[in-house]
C-alpha atoms as a PDB file:
ATOM      1  CA  MET A   1       0.000   0.000   0.000  1.00  0.00           C
ATOM      2  CA  PRO A   2       1.501   3.389  -0.944  1.00  0.00           C
ATOM      3  CA  HIS A   3       2.353   5.709   1.899  1.00  0.00           C
ATOM      4  CA  ASP A   4       2.911   9.469   1.770  1.00  0.00           C
ATOM      5  CA  ALA A   5       4.946   9.737   4.994  1.00  0.00           C
ATOM      6  CA  PHE A   6       8.127  10.810   3.230  1.00  0.00           C
ATOM      7  CA  ILE A   7       6.619  13.050   0.580  1.00  0.00           C
ATOM      8  CA  PRO A   8       6.811  16.764   1.412  1.00  0.00           C
ATOM      9  CA  TRP A   9       3.534  18.595   1.457  1.00  0.00           C
ATOM     10  CA  GLN A  10       2.944  20.225  -1.870  1.00  0.00           C
ATOM     11  CA  ASN A  11      -0.481  21.567  -0.983  1.00  0.00           C
ATOM     12  CA  ASP A  12      -1.852  23.545   1.900  1.00  0.00           C
ATOM     13  CA  ALA A  13      -3.715  21.627   4.595  1.00  0.00           C
ATOM     14  CA  GLU A  14      -6.826  22.985   6.222  1.00  0.00           C
ATOM     15  CA  TYR A  15      -8.865  22.150   9.256  1.00  0.00           C
ATOM     16  CA  ILE A  16     -11.820  23.589  11.117  1.00  0.00           C
ATOM     17  CA  LEU A  17     -11.488  24.111  14.848  1.00  0.00           C
ATOM     18  CA  ARG A  18     -14.708  24.334  16.804  1.00  0.00           C
ATOM     19  CA  GLY A  19     -15.686  24.127  20.421  1.00  0.00           C
ATOM     20  CA  GLN A  20     -17.714  21.251  21.797  1.00  0.00           C
ATOM     21  CA  ASP A  21     -20.913  23.314  21.794  1.00  0.00           C
ATOM     22  CA  GLN A  22     -20.333  25.135  18.501  1.00  0.00           C
ATOM     23  CA  GLU A  23     -22.221  24.406  15.296  1.00  0.00           C
ATOM     24  CA  THR A  24     -19.534  26.002  13.151  1.00  0.00           C
ATOM     25  CA  GLY A  25     -15.907  26.719  13.765  1.00  0.00           C
ATOM     26  CA  CYS A  26     -12.968  28.695  12.493  1.00  0.00           C
ATOM     27  CA  ARG A  27     -11.192  27.529   9.343  1.00  0.00           C
ATOM     28  CA  HIS A  28      -7.388  27.362   9.569  1.00  0.00           C
ATOM     29  CA  VAL A  29      -4.960  26.873   6.689  1.00  0.00           C
ATOM     30  CA  VAL A  30      -1.467  25.474   7.188  1.00  0.00           C
ATOM     31  CA  PRO A  31       0.831  26.301   4.268  1.00  0.00           C
ATOM     32  CA  GLY A  32       2.470  23.359   2.541  1.00  0.00           C
ATOM     33  CA  ALA A  33       6.139  22.898   3.434  1.00  0.00           C
ATOM     34  CA  ASP A  34       9.008  20.471   3.054  1.00  0.00           C
ATOM     35  CA  GLU A  35       9.161  19.435   6.706  1.00  0.00           C
ATOM     36  CA  TYR A  36      12.354  17.438   6.270  1.00  0.00           C
ATOM     37  CA  GLN A  37      14.184  20.406   4.776  1.00  0.00           C
ATOM     38  CA  LEU A  38      12.959  22.591   7.637  1.00  0.00           C
ATOM     39  CA  MET A  39      14.238  20.049  10.193  1.00  0.00           C
ATOM     40  CA  VAL A  40      17.662  19.854   8.531  1.00  0.00           C
ATOM     41  CA  GLU A  41      17.914  23.643   8.328  1.00  0.00           C
ATOM     42  CA  HIS A  42      16.948  23.984  11.990  1.00  0.00           C
ATOM     43  CA  PHE A  43      19.515  21.375  13.053  1.00  0.00           C
ATOM     44  CA  SER A  44      22.168  23.096  10.946  1.00  0.00           C
ATOM     45  CA  ASP A  45      21.380  26.440  12.581  1.00  0.00           C
ATOM     46  CA  ALA A  46      21.733  24.811  16.016  1.00  0.00           C
ATOM     47  CA  VAL A  47      25.091  23.248  15.102  1.00  0.00           C
ATOM     48  CA  LEU A  48      26.314  26.618  13.842  1.00  0.00           C
ATOM     49  CA  GLY A  49      25.150  28.309  17.053  1.00  0.00           C
ATOM     50  CA  LYS A  50      22.468  30.385  15.324  1.00  0.00           C
ATOM     51  CA  SER A  51      19.595  28.872  17.325  1.00  0.00           C
ATOM     52  CA  LYS A  52      18.814  26.359  20.038  1.00  0.00           C
ATOM     53  CA  LEU A  53      17.262  22.972  19.358  1.00  0.00           C
ATOM     54  CA  ASP A  54      13.488  22.926  19.778  1.00  0.00           C
ATOM     55  CA  PHE A  55      13.645  19.600  21.627  1.00  0.00           C
ATOM     56  CA  LEU A  56      16.291  18.278  23.974  1.00  0.00           C
ATOM     57  CA  PHE A  57      17.862  14.854  23.527  1.00  0.00           C
ATOM     58  CA  GLU A  58      16.166  13.764  26.754  1.00  0.00           C
ATOM     59  CA  ASP A  59      12.798  14.569  25.157  1.00  0.00           C
ATOM     60  CA  SER A  60      13.651  12.302  22.227  1.00  0.00           C
ATOM     61  CA  ILE A  61      14.623   9.446  24.530  1.00  0.00           C
ATOM     62  CA  ALA A  62      11.415   9.845  26.551  1.00  0.00           C
ATOM     63  CA  ASN A  63       9.389   9.860  23.325  1.00  0.00           C
ATOM     64  CA  MET A  64      11.025   6.613  22.178  1.00  0.00           C
ATOM     65  CA  GLN A  65      10.265   5.022  25.561  1.00  0.00           C
ATOM     66  CA  VAL A  66       6.591   5.885  25.084  1.00  0.00           C
ATOM     67  CA  LEU A  67       6.590   4.466  21.548  1.00  0.00           C
ATOM     68  CA  ASP A  68       8.278   1.268  22.764  1.00  0.00           C
ATOM     69  CA  ALA A  69       5.695   0.933  25.551  1.00  0.00           C
ATOM     70  CA  LEU A  70       2.850   1.433  23.062  1.00  0.00           C
ATOM     71  CA  ALA A  71       4.261  -1.280  20.804  1.00  0.00           C
ATOM     72  CA  GLN A  72       4.723  -3.648  23.743  1.00  0.00           C
ATOM     73  CA  ALA A  73       1.167  -2.997  24.960  1.00  0.00           C
ATOM     74  CA  ALA A  74      -0.237  -3.562  21.475  1.00  0.00           C
ATOM     75  CA  LEU A  75       1.587  -6.885  21.145  1.00  0.00           C
ATOM     76  CA  SER A  76       0.832  -8.165  24.634  1.00  0.00           C
ATOM     77  CA  GLY A  77      -2.601  -6.644  25.212  1.00  0.00           C
ATOM     78  CA  ASN A  78      -1.418  -5.560  28.654  1.00  0.00           C
ATOM     79  CA  THR A  79      -0.869  -2.168  30.237  1.00  0.00           C
ATOM     80  CA  VAL A  80       2.776  -1.126  30.202  1.00  0.00           C
ATOM     81  CA  LYS A  81       3.936   1.237  32.926  1.00  0.00           C
ATOM     82  CA  LEU A  82       6.782   3.644  32.323  1.00  0.00           C
END
């Protein structure tokens, strides 16, 4: 099955945000962007001292622990505590 996970957005994305009790909401448009290029540029700026990283390495490790726990729970059918 084809998957678009590694294809940069070529088109704008839009969504409508509404409150629980609202009939209509507010339309938002997110401009299309090459997310991978933006990540590489941001990392490059951090290496060159032009900016700080948006996420610390510890955040990445914690995120991977959550993903591992989710996979383990899905395979075992049991709750996995972190």
